[in-house]
Amino acid sequence: MFTHIFIWIILSYGLTNIVVYGGIFKWLRDWLDNGVNNKNKVVSKVFNFFSDLVGCPMCFSTWVGFFLGLFIMSPTKEFFDVDILYSWFFDGIFSSGAVWAIHSIIEWFEENRPNKTIL
């Protein structure tokens, strides 16, 4: 069971990382950023919402958790045996927390990388 949850977390992190940072979805992020400047205020706000969503690992991973909880597996349902609607909500929270933890660890290592100075 823990193997399934570990794989679920890696799936969540991978999907989030691809959409938020990957080059394959750069066109989508650029398209949403350009739509923010639309003259129609309602359309501009919708584009702004989705632009912020795909630019934020914590925000997007919540929706990834909803998706994975509905279509792949629900870790919350496995652990707590709650109703599917509740587990769907908590899967999003779990995914967001797990992805944010992995992201924070990776960011810490990137910021604290030793200098490569030649003496």
N, C-alpha and C. Protein backbone atom coordinates (compact mmCIF):
# COMPACT_ATOMS: atom_id res chain seq x y z
N MET A 1 0.83 -1.19 0.00
CA MET A 1 0.00 0.00 0.00
C MET A 1 0.87 1.26 0.00
N PHE A 2 1.96 1.27 0.78
CA PHE A 2 2.82 2.44 0.81
C PHE A 2 3.53 2.65 -0.53
N THR A 3 3.77 1.57 -1.23
CA THR A 3 4.36 1.69 -2.57
C THR A 3 3.41 2.42 -3.50
N HIS A 4 2.13 2.09 -3.42
CA HIS A 4 1.13 2.76 -4.26
C HIS A 4 1.06 4.25 -3.94
N ILE A 5 1.11 4.58 -2.67
CA ILE A 5 1.04 5.99 -2.27
C ILE A 5 2.30 6.73 -2.70
N PHE A 6 3.45 6.08 -2.56
CA PHE A 6 4.70 6.69 -3.00
C PHE A 6 4.66 6.96 -4.51
N ILE A 7 4.20 5.99 -5.28
CA ILE A 7 4.08 6.18 -6.73
C ILE A 7 3.08 7.27 -7.04
N TRP A 8 1.98 7.34 -6.29
CA TRP A 8 0.96 8.38 -6.49
C TRP A 8 1.57 9.76 -6.26
N ILE A 9 2.40 9.90 -5.22
CA ILE A 9 3.06 11.17 -4.93
C ILE A 9 4.02 11.54 -6.06
N ILE A 10 4.79 10.57 -6.55
CA ILE A 10 5.72 10.83 -7.65
C ILE A 10 4.95 11.21 -8.92
N LEU A 11 3.83 10.55 -9.18
CA LEU A 11 2.99 10.93 -10.33
C LEU A 11 2.51 12.37 -10.17
N SER A 12 2.06 12.71 -8.98
CA SER A 12 1.57 14.05 -8.71
C SER A 12 2.68 15.09 -8.91
N TYR A 13 3.85 14.81 -8.38
CA TYR A 13 4.97 15.73 -8.54
C TYR A 13 5.39 15.84 -10.01
N GLY A 14 5.47 14.72 -10.69
CA GLY A 14 5.88 14.73 -12.09
C GLY A 14 4.93 15.52 -12.98
N LEU A 15 3.64 15.26 -12.84
CA LEU A 15 2.65 15.97 -13.65
C LEU A 15 2.67 17.46 -13.35
N THR A 16 2.77 17.81 -12.08
CA THR A 16 2.84 19.23 -11.70
C THR A 16 4.09 19.88 -12.28
N ASN A 17 5.22 19.22 -12.15
CA ASN A 17 6.48 19.77 -12.62
C ASN A 17 6.47 19.96 -14.14
N ILE A 18 5.91 19.02 -14.87
CA ILE A 18 5.86 19.13 -16.32
C ILE A 18 5.02 20.33 -16.75
N VAL A 19 3.85 20.49 -16.14
CA VAL A 19 2.97 21.59 -16.56
C VAL A 19 3.51 22.94 -16.11
N VAL A 20 4.02 23.04 -14.88
CA VAL A 20 4.45 24.34 -14.34
C VAL A 20 5.80 24.77 -14.91
N TYR A 21 6.73 23.83 -15.13
CA TYR A 21 8.08 24.20 -15.54
C TYR A 21 8.51 23.63 -16.89
N GLY A 22 7.83 22.63 -17.39
CA GLY A 22 8.28 21.93 -18.59
C GLY A 22 8.16 22.75 -19.86
N GLY A 23 9.10 22.52 -20.76
CA GLY A 23 9.09 23.22 -22.04
C GLY A 23 7.92 22.82 -22.93
N ILE A 24 7.42 21.61 -22.75
CA ILE A 24 6.33 21.12 -23.60
C ILE A 24 5.03 21.90 -23.38
N PHE A 25 4.87 22.49 -22.19
CA PHE A 25 3.68 23.29 -21.90
C PHE A 25 3.97 24.79 -21.87
N LYS A 26 5.13 25.21 -22.35
CA LYS A 26 5.47 26.63 -22.38
C LYS A 26 4.48 27.41 -23.24
N TRP A 27 4.05 26.79 -24.35
CA TRP A 27 3.08 27.45 -25.23
C TRP A 27 1.79 27.75 -24.48
N LEU A 28 1.35 26.85 -23.60
CA LEU A 28 0.13 27.06 -22.84
C LEU A 28 0.31 28.20 -21.83
N ARG A 29 1.43 28.19 -21.13
CA ARG A 29 1.70 29.26 -20.16
C ARG A 29 1.80 30.61 -20.87
N ASP A 30 2.47 30.66 -22.02
CA ASP A 30 2.59 31.91 -22.79
C ASP A 30 1.22 32.37 -23.30
N TRP A 31 0.41 31.44 -23.79
CA TRP A 31 -0.92 31.77 -24.31
C TRP A 31 -1.79 32.35 -23.19
N LEU A 32 -1.72 31.74 -22.01
CA LEU A 32 -2.50 32.25 -20.89
C LEU A 32 -1.99 33.62 -20.44
N ASP A 33 -0.68 33.82 -20.43
CA ASP A 33 -0.11 35.12 -20.08
C ASP A 33 -0.54 36.20 -21.06
N ASN A 34 -0.60 35.87 -22.34
CA ASN A 34 -1.05 36.85 -23.35
C ASN A 34 -2.53 37.15 -23.20
N GLY A 35 -3.33 36.19 -22.80
CA GLY A 35 -4.76 36.40 -22.63
C GLY A 35 -5.10 37.31 -21.47
N VAL A 36 -4.17 37.45 -20.53
CA VAL A 36 -4.39 38.33 -19.38
C VAL A 36 -4.58 39.77 -19.85
N ASN A 37 -3.97 40.14 -20.96
CA ASN A 37 -4.05 41.51 -21.49
C ASN A 37 -5.27 41.74 -22.36
N ASN A 38 -6.22 40.83 -22.35
CA ASN A 38 -7.43 40.98 -23.14
C ASN A 38 -8.21 42.21 -22.68
N LYS A 39 -8.85 42.90 -23.63
CA LYS A 39 -9.60 44.11 -23.30
C LYS A 39 -10.86 43.81 -22.49
N ASN A 40 -11.42 42.64 -22.70
CA ASN A 40 -12.61 42.24 -21.95
C ASN A 40 -12.18 41.84 -20.53
N LYS A 41 -12.73 42.53 -19.53
CA LYS A 41 -12.31 42.31 -18.14
C LYS A 41 -12.59 40.89 -17.65
N VAL A 42 -13.74 40.35 -18.03
CA VAL A 42 -14.10 38.99 -17.59
C VAL A 42 -13.14 37.98 -18.19
N VAL A 43 -12.89 38.10 -19.47
CA VAL A 43 -11.96 37.18 -20.15
C VAL A 43 -10.57 37.33 -19.56
N SER A 44 -10.16 38.55 -19.30
CA SER A 44 -8.85 38.81 -18.72
C SER A 44 -8.71 38.15 -17.34
N LYS A 45 -9.76 38.21 -16.53
CA LYS A 45 -9.73 37.60 -15.20
C LYS A 45 -9.66 36.08 -15.28
N VAL A 46 -10.36 35.50 -16.25
CA VAL A 46 -10.32 34.04 -16.43
C VAL A 46 -8.92 33.62 -16.85
N PHE A 47 -8.34 34.33 -17.80
CA PHE A 47 -6.97 34.03 -18.22
C PHE A 47 -5.98 34.22 -17.07
N ASN A 48 -6.19 35.25 -16.26
CA ASN A 48 -5.32 35.51 -15.12
C ASN A 48 -5.39 34.36 -14.12
N PHE A 49 -6.60 33.87 -13.86
CA PHE A 49 -6.77 32.74 -12.93
C PHE A 49 -5.99 31.52 -13.42
N PHE A 50 -6.19 31.15 -14.68
CA PHE A 50 -5.52 29.96 -15.20
C PHE A 50 -4.01 30.18 -15.37
N SER A 51 -3.60 31.39 -15.67
CA SER A 51 -2.18 31.70 -15.75
C SER A 51 -1.51 31.53 -14.39
N ASP A 52 -2.18 32.04 -13.35
CA ASP A 52 -1.65 31.86 -12.00
C ASP A 52 -1.65 30.39 -11.60
N LEU A 53 -2.68 29.66 -12.01
CA LEU A 53 -2.80 28.25 -11.66
C LEU A 53 -1.66 27.42 -12.23
N VAL A 54 -1.34 27.61 -13.51
CA VAL A 54 -0.28 26.81 -14.13
C VAL A 54 1.11 27.36 -13.82
N GLY A 55 1.19 28.46 -13.12
CA GLY A 55 2.48 29.02 -12.74
C GLY A 55 2.85 28.74 -11.29
N CYS A 56 2.00 28.05 -10.57
CA CYS A 56 2.19 27.83 -9.14
C CYS A 56 2.16 26.33 -8.84
N PRO A 57 3.29 25.75 -8.41
CA PRO A 57 3.30 24.31 -8.14
C PRO A 57 2.31 23.89 -7.04
N MET A 58 2.14 24.72 -6.02
CA MET A 58 1.23 24.36 -4.94
C MET A 58 -0.23 24.39 -5.43
N CYS A 59 -0.56 25.39 -6.23
CA CYS A 59 -1.93 25.53 -6.72
C CYS A 59 -2.27 24.42 -7.71
N PHE A 60 -1.39 24.21 -8.69
CA PHE A 60 -1.68 23.22 -9.72
C PHE A 60 -1.68 21.81 -9.15
N SER A 61 -0.82 21.53 -8.17
CA SER A 61 -0.77 20.18 -7.61
C SER A 61 -2.05 19.83 -6.85
N THR A 62 -2.77 20.83 -6.37
CA THR A 62 -4.06 20.55 -5.75
C THR A 62 -5.01 19.95 -6.78
N TRP A 63 -5.05 20.54 -7.95
CA TRP A 63 -5.92 20.02 -9.01
C TRP A 63 -5.42 18.69 -9.55
N VAL A 64 -4.11 18.50 -9.56
CA VAL A 64 -3.55 17.20 -9.94
C VAL A 64 -4.01 16.14 -8.94
N GLY A 65 -4.01 16.49 -7.66
CA GLY A 65 -4.50 15.56 -6.63
C GLY A 65 -5.96 15.21 -6.82
N PHE A 66 -6.78 16.20 -7.16
CA PHE A 66 -8.19 15.93 -7.46
C PHE A 66 -8.29 14.92 -8.61
N PHE A 67 -7.54 15.19 -9.68
CA PHE A 67 -7.57 14.33 -10.87
C PHE A 67 -7.11 12.92 -10.55
N LEU A 68 -5.95 12.79 -9.90
CA LEU A 68 -5.42 11.46 -9.59
C LEU A 68 -6.33 10.73 -8.60
N GLY A 69 -6.92 11.45 -7.66
CA GLY A 69 -7.83 10.82 -6.71
C GLY A 69 -9.08 10.28 -7.36
N LEU A 70 -9.54 10.94 -8.41
CA LEU A 70 -10.74 10.48 -9.10
C LEU A 70 -10.46 9.37 -10.11
N PHE A 71 -9.35 9.47 -10.82
CA PHE A 71 -9.13 8.56 -11.95
C PHE A 71 -8.07 7.49 -11.73
N ILE A 72 -7.15 7.67 -10.81
CA ILE A 72 -6.08 6.69 -10.60
C ILE A 72 -6.29 5.93 -9.29
N MET A 73 -6.17 6.63 -8.18
CA MET A 73 -6.32 6.02 -6.86
C MET A 73 -6.50 7.13 -5.85
N SER A 74 -7.23 6.85 -4.81
CA SER A 74 -7.43 7.83 -3.74
C SER A 74 -6.72 7.37 -2.47
N PRO A 75 -5.55 7.97 -2.15
CA PRO A 75 -4.87 7.58 -0.92
C PRO A 75 -5.71 7.83 0.33
N THR A 76 -6.49 8.88 0.34
CA THR A 76 -7.33 9.19 1.49
C THR A 76 -8.38 8.10 1.68
N LYS A 77 -8.95 7.63 0.59
CA LYS A 77 -9.95 6.55 0.67
C LYS A 77 -9.29 5.27 1.17
N GLU A 78 -8.05 5.02 0.72
CA GLU A 78 -7.34 3.81 1.15
C GLU A 78 -7.04 3.85 2.65
N PHE A 79 -6.62 5.00 3.16
CA PHE A 79 -6.24 5.10 4.57
C PHE A 79 -7.44 5.23 5.51
N PHE A 80 -8.39 6.07 5.14
CA PHE A 80 -9.44 6.43 6.08
C PHE A 80 -10.82 5.89 5.72
N ASP A 81 -10.98 5.33 4.54
CA ASP A 81 -12.24 4.75 4.08
C ASP A 81 -13.41 5.72 4.27
N VAL A 82 -13.24 6.92 3.73
CA VAL A 82 -14.29 7.93 3.80
C VAL A 82 -15.04 7.98 2.46
N ASP A 83 -16.10 8.73 2.43
CA ASP A 83 -16.88 8.91 1.21
C ASP A 83 -16.01 9.49 0.10
N ILE A 84 -16.30 9.14 -1.14
CA ILE A 84 -15.46 9.53 -2.27
C ILE A 84 -15.36 11.05 -2.44
N LEU A 85 -16.42 11.80 -2.14
CA LEU A 85 -16.36 13.26 -2.27
C LEU A 85 -15.40 13.87 -1.26
N TYR A 86 -15.38 13.35 -0.04
CA TYR A 86 -14.44 13.84 0.96
C TYR A 86 -13.02 13.44 0.60
N SER A 87 -12.86 12.21 0.17
CA SER A 87 -11.52 11.75 -0.17
C SER A 87 -10.96 12.53 -1.35
N TRP A 88 -11.83 12.89 -2.30
CA TRP A 88 -11.39 13.67 -3.46
C TRP A 88 -10.82 15.01 -3.01
N PHE A 89 -11.49 15.65 -2.09
CA PHE A 89 -11.04 16.94 -1.56
C PHE A 89 -9.69 16.78 -0.83
N PHE A 90 -9.60 15.81 0.04
CA PHE A 90 -8.37 15.61 0.81
C PHE A 90 -7.22 15.09 -0.04
N ASP A 91 -7.52 14.40 -1.15
CA ASP A 91 -6.46 14.00 -2.08
C ASP A 91 -5.79 15.23 -2.69
N GLY A 92 -6.58 16.26 -2.98
CA GLY A 92 -6.01 17.50 -3.49
C GLY A 92 -5.11 18.16 -2.47
N ILE A 93 -5.54 18.18 -1.22
CA ILE A 93 -4.73 18.76 -0.16
C ILE A 93 -3.45 17.95 0.04
N PHE A 94 -3.58 16.63 0.05
CA PHE A 94 -2.43 15.75 0.22
C PHE A 94 -1.42 15.93 -0.90
N SER A 95 -1.91 16.00 -2.13
CA SER A 95 -1.04 16.20 -3.28
C SER A 95 -0.31 17.53 -3.19
N SER A 96 -1.03 18.57 -2.83
CA SER A 96 -0.42 19.89 -2.71
C SER A 96 0.69 19.89 -1.67
N GLY A 97 0.43 19.29 -0.53
CA GLY A 97 1.44 19.24 0.52
C GLY A 97 2.65 18.40 0.14
N ALA A 98 2.41 17.26 -0.49
CA ALA A 98 3.51 16.39 -0.89
C ALA A 98 4.37 17.05 -1.96
N VAL A 99 3.73 17.64 -2.95
CA VAL A 99 4.48 18.31 -4.02
C VAL A 99 5.23 19.51 -3.48
N TRP A 100 4.60 20.27 -2.59
CA TRP A 100 5.27 21.43 -2.02
C TRP A 100 6.48 21.00 -1.19
N ALA A 101 6.38 19.90 -0.45
CA ALA A 101 7.51 19.40 0.33
C ALA A 101 8.67 19.00 -0.58
N ILE A 102 8.38 18.25 -1.63
CA ILE A 102 9.43 17.85 -2.57
C ILE A 102 10.04 19.08 -3.23
N HIS A 103 9.18 19.99 -3.66
CA HIS A 103 9.64 21.22 -4.32
C HIS A 103 10.54 22.04 -3.39
N SER A 104 10.16 22.15 -2.13
CA SER A 104 10.95 22.92 -1.16
C SER A 104 12.31 22.28 -0.92
N ILE A 105 12.36 20.97 -0.83
CA ILE A 105 13.63 20.27 -0.64
C ILE A 105 14.54 20.50 -1.84
N ILE A 106 14.00 20.38 -3.03
CA ILE A 106 14.80 20.59 -4.25
C ILE A 106 15.28 22.04 -4.32
N GLU A 107 14.42 22.99 -4.01
CA GLU A 107 14.81 24.40 -4.02
C GLU A 107 15.92 24.66 -3.00
N TRP A 108 15.84 24.05 -1.83
CA TRP A 108 16.86 24.24 -0.81
C TRP A 108 18.22 23.75 -1.32
N PHE A 109 18.23 22.58 -1.95
CA PHE A 109 19.49 22.06 -2.48
C PHE A 109 20.03 22.93 -3.63
N GLU A 110 19.14 23.49 -4.44
CA GLU A 110 19.59 24.36 -5.53
C GLU A 110 20.19 25.65 -4.99
N GLU A 111 19.62 26.19 -3.92
CA GLU A 111 20.13 27.43 -3.35
C GLU A 111 21.40 27.22 -2.53
N ASN A 112 21.59 26.05 -2.00
CA ASN A 112 22.74 25.76 -1.14
C ASN A 112 23.76 24.87 -1.83
N ARG A 113 23.81 24.97 -3.12
CA ARG A 113 24.80 24.21 -3.90
C ARG A 113 26.19 24.78 -3.61
N PRO A 114 27.18 23.90 -3.39
CA PRO A 114 28.53 24.41 -3.13
C PRO A 114 29.10 25.12 -4.36
N ASN A 115 29.89 26.16 -4.11
CA ASN A 115 30.53 26.90 -5.21
C ASN A 115 31.63 26.04 -5.82
N LYS A 116 31.74 26.12 -7.13
CA LYS A 116 32.79 25.36 -7.82
C LYS A 116 33.91 26.33 -8.20
N THR A 117 34.69 26.70 -7.21
CA THR A 117 35.80 27.61 -7.48
C THR A 117 37.10 26.82 -7.60
N ILE A 118 37.88 27.19 -8.57
CA ILE A 118 39.16 26.53 -8.80
C ILE A 118 40.25 27.36 -8.13
N LEU A 119 41.04 26.71 -7.31
CA LEU A 119 42.11 27.43 -6.59
C LEU A 119 43.30 27.64 -7.46
